[in-house]
């Protein structure tokens, strides 16, 4: 299991979409939201994504393909 800290930035078209819920269901990832700012036109979340290393990688790729900007913040916590 690893935890990867990321900043997820959502464009206006995705702000109201349940992207995090879909990610949890699809990839069995546990997000730990550390900070967030979500408005009507855009939003961002800083969170740790915990799960199997390969699964976390696939989830990050999926988020990008869905239109979420994913910035890796460099903090990786192994458990």
PDB file of N, CA and C in Angstrom:
ATOM      1  N   UNK A   1       0.846  -1.185   0.000  1.00  0.00           N
ATOM      2  CA  UNK A   1       0.000   0.000   0.000  1.00  0.00           C
ATOM      3  C   UNK A   1       0.885   1.241   0.000  1.00  0.00           C
ATOM      4  N   UNK A   2       0.489   2.214  -0.809  1.00  0.00           N
ATOM      5  CA  UNK A   2       1.175   3.498  -0.811  1.00  0.00           C
ATOM      6  C   UNK A   2       0.148   4.610  -0.721  1.00  0.00           C
ATOM      7  N   UNK A   3       0.622   5.770  -0.364  1.00  0.00           N
ATOM      8  CA  UNK A   3      -0.199   6.967  -0.387  1.00  0.00           C
ATOM      9  C   UNK A   3       0.517   8.014  -1.216  1.00  0.00           C
ATOM     10  N   UNK A   4      -0.170   8.594  -2.168  1.00  0.00           N
ATOM     11  CA  UNK A   4       0.405   9.611  -3.027  1.00  0.00           C
ATOM     12  C   UNK A   4      -0.375  10.901  -2.814  1.00  0.00           C
ATOM     13  N   UNK A   5       0.342  11.992  -2.557  1.00  0.00           N
ATOM     14  CA  UNK A   5      -0.314  13.284  -2.359  1.00  0.00           C
ATOM     15  C   UNK A   5      -0.439  13.981  -3.712  1.00  0.00           C
ATOM     16  N   UNK A   6      -1.652  14.402  -4.044  1.00  0.00           N
ATOM     17  CA  UNK A   6      -1.928  15.039  -5.326  1.00  0.00           C
ATOM     18  C   UNK A   6      -2.795  16.279  -5.131  1.00  0.00           C
ATOM     19  N   UNK A   7      -2.707  17.160  -6.110  1.00  0.00           N
ATOM     20  CA  UNK A   7      -3.659  18.268  -6.205  1.00  0.00           C
ATOM     21  C   UNK A   7      -4.498  17.995  -7.440  1.00  0.00           C
ATOM     22  N   UNK A   8      -5.807  17.920  -7.237  1.00  0.00           N
ATOM     23  CA  UNK A   8      -6.743  17.688  -8.321  1.00  0.00           C
ATOM     24  C   UNK A   8      -7.466  18.990  -8.614  1.00  0.00           C
ATOM     25  N   UNK A   9      -7.398  19.457  -9.850  1.00  0.00           N
ATOM     26  CA  UNK A   9      -8.055  20.693 -10.249  1.00  0.00           C
ATOM     27  C   UNK A   9      -9.161  20.347 -11.234  1.00  0.00           C
ATOM     28  N   UNK A  10     -10.375  20.786 -10.903  1.00  0.00           N
ATOM     29  CA  UNK A  10     -11.563  20.452 -11.674  1.00  0.00           C
ATOM     30  C   UNK A  10     -12.036  21.655 -12.475  1.00  0.00           C
ATOM     31  N   UNK A  11     -12.216  21.497 -13.794  1.00  0.00           N
ATOM     32  CA  UNK A  11     -12.778  22.589 -14.584  1.00  0.00           C
ATOM     33  C   UNK A  11     -14.279  22.708 -14.317  1.00  0.00           C
ATOM     34  N   UNK A  12     -14.863  23.780 -14.805  1.00  0.00           N
ATOM     35  CA  UNK A  12     -16.280  24.051 -14.560  1.00  0.00           C
ATOM     36  C   UNK A  12     -17.182  22.880 -14.948  1.00  0.00           C
ATOM     37  N   UNK A  13     -16.886  22.227 -16.049  1.00  0.00           N
ATOM     38  CA  UNK A  13     -17.734  21.130 -16.528  1.00  0.00           C
ATOM     39  C   UNK A  13     -17.749  19.934 -15.577  1.00  0.00           C
ATOM     40  N   UNK A  14     -16.746  19.808 -14.709  1.00  0.00           N
ATOM     41  CA  UNK A  14     -16.648  18.646 -13.823  1.00  0.00           C
ATOM     42  C   UNK A  14     -16.926  18.947 -12.354  1.00  0.00           C
ATOM     43  N   UNK A  15     -17.131  20.214 -12.013  1.00  0.00           N
ATOM     44  CA  UNK A  15     -17.287  20.580 -10.602  1.00  0.00           C
ATOM     45  C   UNK A  15     -18.450  19.843  -9.952  1.00  0.00           C
ATOM     46  N   UNK A  16     -19.527  19.646 -10.661  1.00  0.00           N
ATOM     47  CA  UNK A  16     -20.712  18.992 -10.087  1.00  0.00           C
ATOM     48  C   UNK A  16     -20.760  17.481 -10.338  1.00  0.00           C
ATOM     49  N   UNK A  17     -19.746  16.947 -10.971  1.00  0.00           N
ATOM     50  CA  UNK A  17     -19.710  15.515 -11.268  1.00  0.00           C
ATOM     51  C   UNK A  17     -19.110  14.748 -10.075  1.00  0.00           C
ATOM     52  N   UNK A  18     -19.595  13.542  -9.811  1.00  0.00           N
ATOM     53  CA  UNK A  18     -19.078  12.751  -8.675  1.00  0.00           C
ATOM     54  C   UNK A  18     -17.797  11.984  -9.027  1.00  0.00           C
ATOM     55  N   UNK A  19     -16.784  12.713  -9.462  1.00  0.00           N
ATOM     56  CA  UNK A  19     -15.535  12.091  -9.928  1.00  0.00           C
ATOM     57  C   UNK A  19     -14.862  11.287  -8.812  1.00  0.00           C
ATOM     58  N   UNK A  20     -14.777  11.841  -7.617  1.00  0.00           N
ATOM     59  CA  UNK A  20     -14.115  11.138  -6.510  1.00  0.00           C
ATOM     60  C   UNK A  20     -14.875   9.862  -6.165  1.00  0.00           C
ATOM     61  N   UNK A  21     -16.186   9.939  -6.115  1.00  0.00           N
ATOM     62  CA  UNK A  21     -16.995   8.747  -5.817  1.00  0.00           C
ATOM     63  C   UNK A  21     -16.804   7.681  -6.887  1.00  0.00           C
ATOM     64  N   UNK A  22     -16.759   8.083  -8.146  1.00  0.00           N
ATOM     65  CA  UNK A  22     -16.536   7.123  -9.232  1.00  0.00           C
ATOM     66  C   UNK A  22     -15.157   6.486  -9.123  1.00  0.00           C
ATOM     67  N   UNK A  23     -14.145   7.276  -8.756  1.00  0.00           N
ATOM     68  CA  UNK A  23     -12.789   6.752  -8.603  1.00  0.00           C
ATOM     69  C   UNK A  23     -12.746   5.702  -7.483  1.00  0.00           C
ATOM     70  N   UNK A  24     -13.392   6.012  -6.360  1.00  0.00           N
ATOM     71  CA  UNK A  24     -13.424   5.074  -5.243  1.00  0.00           C
ATOM     72  C   UNK A  24     -14.064   3.762  -5.677  1.00  0.00           C
ATOM     73  N   UNK A  25     -15.181   3.848  -6.366  1.00  0.00           N
ATOM     74  CA  UNK A  25     -15.913   2.659  -6.802  1.00  0.00           C
ATOM     75  C   UNK A  25     -15.123   1.863  -7.845  1.00  0.00           C
ATOM     76  N   UNK A  26     -14.544   2.567  -8.800  1.00  0.00           N
ATOM     77  CA  UNK A  26     -13.855   1.913  -9.918  1.00  0.00           C
ATOM     78  C   UNK A  26     -12.516   1.296  -9.514  1.00  0.00           C
ATOM     79  N   UNK A  27     -11.782   1.983  -8.628  1.00  0.00           N
ATOM     80  CA  UNK A  27     -10.403   1.569  -8.353  1.00  0.00           C
ATOM     81  C   UNK A  27     -10.148   1.129  -6.921  1.00  0.00           C
ATOM     82  N   UNK A  28     -11.114   1.203  -6.049  1.00  0.00           N
ATOM     83  CA  UNK A  28     -10.931   0.832  -4.651  1.00  0.00           C
ATOM     84  C   UNK A  28      -9.775   1.620  -4.029  1.00  0.00           C
ATOM     85  N   UNK A  29      -9.798   2.931  -4.273  1.00  0.00           N
ATOM     86  CA  UNK A  29      -8.808   3.864  -3.744  1.00  0.00           C
ATOM     87  C   UNK A  29      -9.429   4.566  -2.544  1.00  0.00           C
ATOM     88  N   UNK A  30      -8.605   4.839  -1.524  1.00  0.00           N
ATOM     89  CA  UNK A  30      -9.085   5.579  -0.353  1.00  0.00           C
ATOM     90  C   UNK A  30      -8.481   6.983  -0.409  1.00  0.00           C
ATOM     91  N   UNK A  31      -9.308   8.007  -0.671  1.00  0.00           N
ATOM     92  CA  UNK A  31      -8.780   9.376  -0.667  1.00  0.00           C
ATOM     93  C   UNK A  31      -8.876   9.982   0.737  1.00  0.00           C
ATOM     94  N   UNK A  32      -7.855  10.710   1.117  1.00  0.00           N
ATOM     95  CA  UNK A  32      -7.855  11.455   2.372  1.00  0.00           C
ATOM     96  C   UNK A  32      -7.737  12.922   1.989  1.00  0.00           C
ATOM     97  N   UNK A  33      -8.849  13.639   2.002  1.00  0.00           N
ATOM     98  CA  UNK A  33      -8.871  15.035   1.576  1.00  0.00           C
ATOM     99  C   UNK A  33      -8.260  15.900   2.671  1.00  0.00           C
ATOM    100  N   UNK A  34      -7.213  16.641   2.305  1.00  0.00           N
ATOM    101  CA  UNK A  34      -6.482  17.477   3.257  1.00  0.00           C
ATOM    102  C   UNK A  34      -6.912  18.937   3.174  1.00  0.00           C
ATOM    103  N   UNK A  35      -7.179  19.418   1.978  1.00  0.00           N
ATOM    104  CA  UNK A  35      -7.649  20.792   1.752  1.00  0.00           C
ATOM    105  C   UNK A  35      -8.468  20.796   0.480  1.00  0.00           C
ATOM    106  N   UNK A  36      -9.385  21.756   0.395  1.00  0.00           N
ATOM    107  CA  UNK A  36     -10.197  21.858  -0.818  1.00  0.00           C
ATOM    108  C   UNK A  36     -10.791  23.254  -0.921  1.00  0.00           C
ATOM    109  N   UNK A  37     -11.044  23.648  -2.152  1.00  0.00           N
ATOM    110  CA  UNK A  37     -11.750  24.892  -2.428  1.00  0.00           C
ATOM    111  C   UNK A  37     -12.567  24.631  -3.688  1.00  0.00           C
ATOM    112  N   UNK A  38     -13.869  24.539  -3.523  1.00  0.00           N
ATOM    113  CA  UNK A  38     -14.745  24.223  -4.647  1.00  0.00           C
ATOM    114  C   UNK A  38     -15.791  25.316  -4.779  1.00  0.00           C
ATOM    115  N   UNK A  39     -15.882  25.878  -5.965  1.00  0.00           N
ATOM    116  CA  UNK A  39     -16.872  26.913  -6.244  1.00  0.00           C
ATOM    117  C   UNK A  39     -17.761  26.493  -7.400  1.00  0.00           C
ATOM    118  N   UNK A  40     -18.532  27.415  -7.903  1.00  0.00           N
ATOM    119  CA  UNK A  40     -19.448  27.124  -9.009  1.00  0.00           C
ATOM    120  C   UNK A  40     -18.710  26.881 -10.328  1.00  0.00           C
ATOM    121  N   UNK A  41     -17.564  27.547 -10.527  1.00  0.00           N
ATOM    122  CA  UNK A  41     -16.894  27.504 -11.824  1.00  0.00           C
ATOM    123  C   UNK A  41     -15.639  26.644 -11.863  1.00  0.00           C
ATOM    124  N   UNK A  42     -15.075  26.346 -10.718  1.00  0.00           N
ATOM    125  CA  UNK A  42     -13.873  25.508 -10.680  1.00  0.00           C
ATOM    126  C   UNK A  42     -13.650  25.040  -9.247  1.00  0.00           C
ATOM    127  N   UNK A  43     -12.704  24.153  -9.097  1.00  0.00           N
ATOM    128  CA  UNK A  43     -12.395  23.682  -7.753  1.00  0.00           C
ATOM    129  C   UNK A  43     -11.099  22.904  -7.747  1.00  0.00           C
ATOM    130  N   UNK A  44     -10.523  22.797  -6.556  1.00  0.00           N
ATOM    131  CA  UNK A  44      -9.319  21.981  -6.389  1.00  0.00           C
ATOM    132  C   UNK A  44      -9.390  21.249  -5.061  1.00  0.00           C
ATOM    133  N   UNK A  45      -8.713  20.124  -5.033  1.00  0.00           N
ATOM    134  CA  UNK A  45      -8.637  19.296  -3.837  1.00  0.00           C
ATOM    135  C   UNK A  45      -7.192  18.830  -3.691  1.00  0.00           C
ATOM    136  N   UNK A  46      -6.651  18.961  -2.499  1.00  0.00           N
ATOM    137  CA  UNK A  46      -5.373  18.333  -2.190  1.00  0.00           C
ATOM    138  C   UNK A  46      -5.704  17.118  -1.339  1.00  0.00           C
ATOM    139  N   UNK A  47      -5.284  15.951  -1.815  1.00  0.00           N
ATOM    140  CA  UNK A  47      -5.611  14.733  -1.084  1.00  0.00           C
ATOM    141  C   UNK A  47      -4.507  13.703  -1.235  1.00  0.00           C
ATOM    142  N   UNK A  48      -4.568  12.725  -0.362  1.00  0.00           N
ATOM    143  CA  UNK A  48      -3.693  11.573  -0.449  1.00  0.00           C
ATOM    144  C   UNK A  48      -4.527  10.426  -0.997  1.00  0.00           C
ATOM    145  N   UNK A  49      -3.991   9.746  -1.982  1.00  0.00           N
ATOM    146  CA  UNK A  49      -4.664   8.588  -2.561  1.00  0.00           C
ATOM    147  C   UNK A  49      -3.947   7.348  -2.062  1.00  0.00           C
ATOM    148  N   UNK A  50      -4.642   6.548  -1.272  1.00  0.00           N
ATOM    149  CA  UNK A  50      -4.054   5.350  -0.685  1.00  0.00           C
ATOM    150  C   UNK A  50      -4.585   4.101  -1.380  1.00  0.00           C
ATOM    151  N   UNK A  51      -3.684   3.181  -1.669  1.00  0.00           N
ATOM    152  CA  UNK A  51      -4.074   1.925  -2.287  1.00  0.00           C
ATOM    153  C   UNK A  51      -2.855   1.192  -2.810  1.00  0.00           C
ATOM    154  N   UNK A  52      -3.082   0.116  -3.515  1.00  0.00           N
ATOM    155  CA  UNK A  52      -2.027  -0.634  -4.177  1.00  0.00           C
ATOM    156  C   UNK A  52      -1.343   0.287  -5.189  1.00  0.00           C
ATOM    157  N   UNK A  53      -0.012   0.225  -5.281  1.00  0.00           N
ATOM    158  CA  UNK A  53       0.740   1.142  -6.129  1.00  0.00           C
ATOM    159  C   UNK A  53       0.248   1.150  -7.579  1.00  0.00           C
ATOM    160  N   UNK A  54       0.038  -0.019  -8.167  1.00  0.00           N
ATOM    161  CA  UNK A  54      -0.419  -0.083  -9.557  1.00  0.00           C
ATOM    162  C   UNK A  54      -1.823   0.491  -9.696  1.00  0.00           C
ATOM    163  N   UNK A  55      -2.663   0.259  -8.710  1.00  0.00           N
ATOM    164  CA  UNK A  55      -4.036   0.771  -8.747  1.00  0.00           C
ATOM    165  C   UNK A  55      -4.050   2.284  -8.621  1.00  0.00           C
ATOM    166  N   UNK A  56      -3.207   2.827  -7.755  1.00  0.00           N
ATOM    167  CA  UNK A  56      -3.114   4.287  -7.618  1.00  0.00           C
ATOM    168  C   UNK A  56      -2.665   4.903  -8.935  1.00  0.00           C
ATOM    169  N   UNK A  57      -1.681   4.288  -9.586  1.00  0.00           N
ATOM    170  CA  UNK A  57      -1.219   4.790 -10.888  1.00  0.00           C
ATOM    171  C   UNK A  57      -2.343   4.797 -11.912  1.00  0.00           C
ATOM    172  N   UNK A  58      -3.108   3.706 -11.971  1.00  0.00           N
ATOM    173  CA  UNK A  58      -4.237   3.648 -12.916  1.00  0.00           C
ATOM    174  C   UNK A  58      -5.294   4.697 -12.590  1.00  0.00           C
ATOM    175  N   UNK A  59      -5.554   4.917 -11.307  1.00  0.00           N
ATOM    176  CA  UNK A  59      -6.548   5.917 -10.905  1.00  0.00           C
ATOM    177  C   UNK A  59      -6.097   7.320 -11.295  1.00  0.00           C
ATOM    178  N   UNK A  60      -4.823   7.623 -11.119  1.00  0.00           N
ATOM    179  CA  UNK A  60      -4.299   8.937 -11.505  1.00  0.00           C
ATOM    180  C   UNK A  60      -4.417   9.134 -13.014  1.00  0.00           C
ATOM    181  N   UNK A  61      -4.093   8.109 -13.785  1.00  0.00           N
ATOM    182  CA  UNK A  61      -4.240   8.190 -15.247  1.00  0.00           C
ATOM    183  C   UNK A  61      -5.703   8.387 -15.627  1.00  0.00           C
ATOM    184  N   UNK A  62      -6.601   7.683 -14.970  1.00  0.00           N
ATOM    185  CA  UNK A  62      -8.033   7.794 -15.234  1.00  0.00           C
ATOM    186  C   UNK A  62      -8.532   9.207 -14.947  1.00  0.00           C
ATOM    187  N   UNK A  63      -8.109   9.783 -13.813  1.00  0.00           N
ATOM    188  CA  UNK A  63      -8.518  11.147 -13.479  1.00  0.00           C
ATOM    189  C   UNK A  63      -8.123  12.112 -14.589  1.00  0.00           C
ATOM    190  N   UNK A  64      -6.895  11.995 -15.085  1.00  0.00           N
ATOM    191  CA  UNK A  64      -6.442  12.855 -16.178  1.00  0.00           C
ATOM    192  C   UNK A  64      -7.268  12.660 -17.433  1.00  0.00           C
ATOM    193  N   UNK A  65      -7.588  11.412 -17.748  1.00  0.00           N
ATOM    194  CA  UNK A  65      -8.403  11.122 -18.933  1.00  0.00           C
ATOM    195  C   UNK A  65      -9.817  11.679 -18.806  1.00  0.00           C
ATOM    196  N   UNK A  66     -10.306  11.796 -17.575  1.00  0.00           N
ATOM    197  CA  UNK A  66     -11.645  12.348 -17.338  1.00  0.00           C
ATOM    198  C   UNK A  66     -11.667  13.871 -17.429  1.00  0.00           C
ATOM    199  N   UNK A  67     -10.499  14.507 -17.493  1.00  0.00           N
ATOM    200  CA  UNK A  67     -10.422  15.954 -17.611  1.00  0.00           C
ATOM    201  C   UNK A  67      -9.992  16.677 -16.355  1.00  0.00           C
ATOM    202  N   UNK A  68      -9.599  15.920 -15.331  1.00  0.00           N
ATOM    203  CA  UNK A  68      -9.111  16.507 -14.089  1.00  0.00           C
ATOM    204  C   UNK A  68      -7.612  16.748 -14.246  1.00  0.00           C
ATOM    205  N   UNK A  69      -7.154  17.943 -13.893  1.00  0.00           N
ATOM    206  CA  UNK A  69      -5.718  18.205 -13.899  1.00  0.00           C
ATOM    207  C   UNK A  69      -5.137  17.596 -12.632  1.00  0.00           C
ATOM    208  N   UNK A  70      -4.147  16.727 -12.787  1.00  0.00           N
ATOM    209  CA  UNK A  70      -3.534  16.043 -11.650  1.00  0.00           C
ATOM    210  C   UNK A  70      -2.094  16.507 -11.523  1.00  0.00           C
ATOM    211  N   UNK A  71      -1.785  17.088 -10.368  1.00  0.00           N
ATOM    212  CA  UNK A  71      -0.406  17.494 -10.077  1.00  0.00           C
ATOM    213  C   UNK A  71       0.088  16.660  -8.907  1.00  0.00           C
ATOM    214  N   UNK A  72       1.158  15.894  -9.126  1.00  0.00           N
ATOM    215  CA  UNK A  72       1.754  15.104  -8.056  1.00  0.00           C
ATOM    216  C   UNK A  72       2.538  16.048  -7.165  1.00  0.00           C
ATOM    217  N   UNK A  73       2.289  15.974  -5.873  1.00  0.00           N
ATOM    218  CA  UNK A  73       2.941  16.883  -4.934  1.00  0.00           C
ATOM    219  C   UNK A  73       4.187  16.293  -4.314  1.00  0.00           C
ATOM    220  N   UNK A  74       4.528  15.070  -4.670  1.00  0.00           N
ATOM    221  CA  UNK A  74       5.802  14.509  -4.286  1.00  0.00           C
ATOM    222  C   UNK A  74       5.869  13.769  -2.970  1.00  0.00           C
ATOM    223  N   UNK A  75       4.865  13.869  -2.151  1.00  0.00           N
ATOM    224  CA  UNK A  75       4.896  13.160  -0.874  1.00  0.00           C
ATOM    225  C   UNK A  75       4.323  11.773  -1.062  1.00  0.00           C
ATOM    226  N   UNK A  76       5.148  10.770  -0.940  1.00  0.00           N
ATOM    227  CA  UNK A  76       4.695   9.383  -1.023  1.00  0.00           C
ATOM    228  C   UNK A  76       4.915   8.754   0.336  1.00  0.00           C
ATOM    229  N   UNK A  77       3.844   8.216   0.888  1.00  0.00           N
ATOM    230  CA  UNK A  77       3.906   7.598   2.206  1.00  0.00           C
ATOM    231  C   UNK A  77       3.628   6.119   2.037  1.00  0.00           C
ATOM    232  N   UNK A  78       4.586   5.286   2.412  1.00  0.00           N
ATOM    233  CA  UNK A  78       4.381   3.840   2.327  1.00  0.00           C
ATOM    234  C   UNK A  78       3.858   3.339   3.658  1.00  0.00           C
ATOM    235  N   UNK A  79       2.892   2.423   3.586  1.00  0.00           N
ATOM    236  CA  UNK A  79       2.353   1.850   4.825  1.00  0.00           C
ATOM    237  C   UNK A  79       2.356   0.355   4.775  1.00  0.00           C
TER     238      UNK A  79
END
